[in-house]
N, C-alpha and C. Protein backbone atom coordinates (compact mmCIF):
# COMPACT_ATOMS: atom_id res chain seq x y z
N UNK A 1 0.80 -0.97 0.03
CA UNK A 1 -0.09 -0.04 -0.07
C UNK A 1 0.79 1.33 -0.12
N UNK A 2 1.79 1.42 0.82
CA UNK A 2 2.68 2.58 1.02
C UNK A 2 3.51 2.48 -0.19
N UNK A 3 4.10 1.18 -0.87
CA UNK A 3 4.74 1.32 -2.06
C UNK A 3 4.11 1.93 -3.10
N UNK A 4 2.86 1.51 -3.13
CA UNK A 4 2.05 2.10 -4.31
C UNK A 4 1.75 3.72 -4.14
N UNK A 5 1.72 4.24 -3.08
CA UNK A 5 1.62 5.70 -2.93
C UNK A 5 2.86 6.31 -3.67
N UNK A 6 4.05 5.83 -2.97
CA UNK A 6 5.20 6.27 -3.33
C UNK A 6 5.47 6.40 -4.99
N UNK A 7 5.16 5.07 -5.65
CA UNK A 7 5.17 4.81 -6.98
C UNK A 7 4.50 5.98 -7.82
N UNK A 8 3.23 6.11 -7.26
CA UNK A 8 2.36 7.04 -8.02
C UNK A 8 2.75 8.38 -7.70
N UNK A 9 3.58 8.69 -6.65
CA UNK A 9 4.00 9.98 -6.16
C UNK A 9 5.25 10.16 -7.23
N UNK A 10 6.21 9.23 -7.53
CA UNK A 10 7.10 9.48 -8.35
C UNK A 10 6.78 9.43 -9.77
N UNK A 11 5.59 8.80 -10.09
CA UNK A 11 5.42 8.79 -11.46
C UNK A 11 4.78 10.31 -12.01
N UNK A 12 3.93 10.82 -10.86
CA UNK A 12 3.29 12.00 -11.11
C UNK A 12 4.05 13.19 -11.14
N UNK A 13 5.49 13.05 -10.33
CA UNK A 13 6.37 13.93 -10.52
C UNK A 13 7.15 13.83 -11.69
N UNK A 14 7.48 12.53 -12.24
CA UNK A 14 7.96 12.34 -13.61
C UNK A 14 7.25 12.99 -14.74
N UNK A 15 5.87 13.11 -14.71
CA UNK A 15 5.05 13.56 -15.76
C UNK A 15 5.03 15.16 -15.84
N UNK A 16 5.16 15.50 -14.55
CA UNK A 16 5.07 16.98 -14.48
C UNK A 16 6.53 17.58 -15.15
N UNK A 17 7.73 17.09 -14.77
CA UNK A 17 8.90 17.49 -15.55
C UNK A 17 9.41 17.02 -16.74
N UNK A 18 8.47 16.34 -17.40
CA UNK A 18 8.66 15.75 -18.65
C UNK A 18 8.32 16.70 -19.71
N UNK A 19 9.15 17.39 -20.44
CA UNK A 19 9.05 18.59 -21.35
C UNK A 19 7.91 18.23 -22.38
N UNK A 20 8.31 17.14 -22.93
CA UNK A 20 7.39 16.29 -24.04
C UNK A 20 5.76 16.31 -23.50
N UNK A 21 5.64 15.56 -22.61
CA UNK A 21 4.15 15.62 -22.14
C UNK A 21 3.61 16.98 -21.68
N UNK A 22 4.46 18.07 -21.12
CA UNK A 22 3.92 19.10 -20.96
C UNK A 22 3.51 19.87 -22.13
N UNK A 23 4.18 19.72 -23.06
CA UNK A 23 4.32 20.58 -24.27
C UNK A 23 3.11 19.91 -25.14
N UNK A 24 2.79 18.65 -24.92
CA UNK A 24 1.59 18.20 -25.68
C UNK A 24 0.49 18.21 -25.12
N UNK A 25 0.28 18.45 -23.66
CA UNK A 25 -0.79 18.64 -23.03
C UNK A 25 -1.42 20.24 -23.49
N UNK A 26 -0.16 20.83 -23.36
CA UNK A 26 -0.75 22.67 -23.53
C UNK A 26 -0.77 22.70 -25.08
N UNK A 27 -0.83 22.00 -26.01
CA UNK A 27 -1.05 22.36 -27.50
C UNK A 27 -2.30 21.50 -27.74
N UNK A 28 -2.69 20.63 -26.73
CA UNK A 28 -3.97 19.90 -27.03
C UNK A 28 -5.04 20.19 -26.76
N UNK A 29 -5.26 21.55 -26.25
CA UNK A 29 -6.56 22.21 -25.81
C UNK A 29 -7.67 22.24 -26.65
N UNK A 30 -8.73 22.10 -26.20
CA UNK A 30 -10.02 22.17 -27.19
C UNK A 30 -10.33 23.68 -27.09
N UNK A 31 -11.11 24.15 -27.85
CA UNK A 31 -11.62 25.55 -28.11
C UNK A 31 -12.32 25.91 -26.70
N UNK A 32 -13.01 25.17 -25.96
CA UNK A 32 -13.85 25.37 -24.89
C UNK A 32 -12.73 25.69 -23.58
N UNK A 33 -11.86 24.80 -23.70
CA UNK A 33 -10.85 24.98 -22.62
C UNK A 33 -9.88 26.38 -22.74
N UNK A 34 -9.99 26.73 -23.84
CA UNK A 34 -9.22 28.17 -24.01
C UNK A 34 -10.22 29.26 -23.69
N UNK A 35 -11.48 28.88 -23.90
CA UNK A 35 -12.50 30.21 -23.29
C UNK A 35 -12.34 30.09 -21.86
N UNK A 36 -12.33 28.73 -21.01
CA UNK A 36 -12.16 28.69 -19.68
C UNK A 36 -11.05 29.22 -18.84
N UNK A 37 -9.84 29.23 -19.69
CA UNK A 37 -8.76 29.77 -19.53
C UNK A 37 -8.77 31.08 -19.23
N UNK A 38 -9.38 31.79 -20.50
CA UNK A 38 -9.66 33.16 -20.47
C UNK A 38 -10.55 33.84 -19.37
N UNK A 39 -11.61 33.11 -19.42
CA UNK A 39 -12.66 33.60 -18.27
C UNK A 39 -11.83 33.62 -16.80
N UNK A 40 -11.08 32.68 -16.49
CA UNK A 40 -10.63 32.23 -15.08
C UNK A 40 -9.36 33.73 -15.07
N UNK A 41 -8.83 33.82 -16.25
CA UNK A 41 -7.76 34.81 -16.22
C UNK A 41 -8.51 36.42 -15.85
N UNK A 42 -9.46 36.62 -16.73
CA UNK A 42 -10.28 37.84 -16.77
C UNK A 42 -10.86 37.92 -15.12
N UNK A 43 -11.34 36.76 -14.69
CA UNK A 43 -11.79 37.05 -13.12
C UNK A 43 -10.56 37.27 -12.30
N UNK A 44 -9.42 36.95 -12.51
CA UNK A 44 -8.12 37.25 -11.52
C UNK A 44 -7.99 38.71 -11.78
N UNK A 45 -7.98 39.17 -12.93
CA UNK A 45 -7.58 40.71 -13.31
C UNK A 45 -8.60 41.37 -12.53
N UNK A 46 -9.98 41.24 -12.74
CA UNK A 46 -11.11 41.88 -12.49
C UNK A 46 -10.94 41.99 -10.78
N UNK A 47 -10.47 40.86 -10.18
CA UNK A 47 -10.74 40.88 -8.65
C UNK A 47 -9.33 41.69 -8.06
N UNK A 48 -8.39 41.71 -8.91
CA UNK A 48 -7.21 42.37 -8.53
C UNK A 48 -7.33 43.93 -8.66
N UNK A 49 -7.98 44.27 -9.71
CA UNK A 49 -8.40 45.78 -9.79
C UNK A 49 -9.38 46.18 -8.85
N UNK A 50 -10.34 45.35 -8.52
CA UNK A 50 -11.41 45.77 -7.60
C UNK A 50 -10.95 45.87 -6.16
N UNK A 51 -9.87 44.95 -5.71
CA UNK A 51 -9.36 44.88 -4.59
C UNK A 51 -8.47 46.14 -4.25
N UNK A 52 -8.43 46.26 -2.77
CA UNK A 52 -7.45 47.43 -2.41
C UNK A 52 -6.04 47.33 -2.50
N UNK A 53 -5.77 46.02 -3.01
CA UNK A 53 -4.30 46.05 -3.46
C UNK A 53 -3.69 46.82 -4.76
N UNK A 54 -4.66 46.98 -5.67
CA UNK A 54 -4.25 47.67 -6.92
C UNK A 54 -3.88 48.98 -6.40
N UNK A 55 -4.59 50.01 -5.85
CA UNK A 55 -4.01 51.21 -5.71
C UNK A 55 -2.58 51.27 -4.55
N UNK A 56 -2.43 50.38 -4.07
CA UNK A 56 -1.59 50.33 -3.27
C UNK A 56 -0.18 50.09 -4.42
N UNK A 57 -0.47 49.10 -5.25
CA UNK A 57 0.73 48.68 -6.07
C UNK A 57 1.14 49.80 -7.04
N UNK A 58 -0.05 50.78 -7.26
CA UNK A 58 0.19 51.86 -8.17
C UNK A 58 1.35 52.72 -7.59
N UNK A 59 0.83 53.01 -6.27
CA UNK A 59 1.55 54.00 -5.28
C UNK A 59 3.18 53.47 -5.13
N UNK A 60 3.48 52.15 -5.37
CA UNK A 60 4.97 51.87 -4.97
C UNK A 60 5.57 52.01 -6.37
N UNK A 61 4.98 52.13 -7.52
CA UNK A 61 5.66 52.16 -8.87
C UNK A 61 6.05 53.55 -9.03
């Protein structure tokens, strides 16, 4: 049981650092996934500009 968990962890880490697999997954998006990524990015930007951190970041520049 414990060995299976360690093997799965090592396999997962190997997948993360494998550049060929990462590139294939990044280029294999469907159009709906691009829309989802754009919506999530837009939500992050809007929440940053609406939050109180934005004016403070502008003052630091």
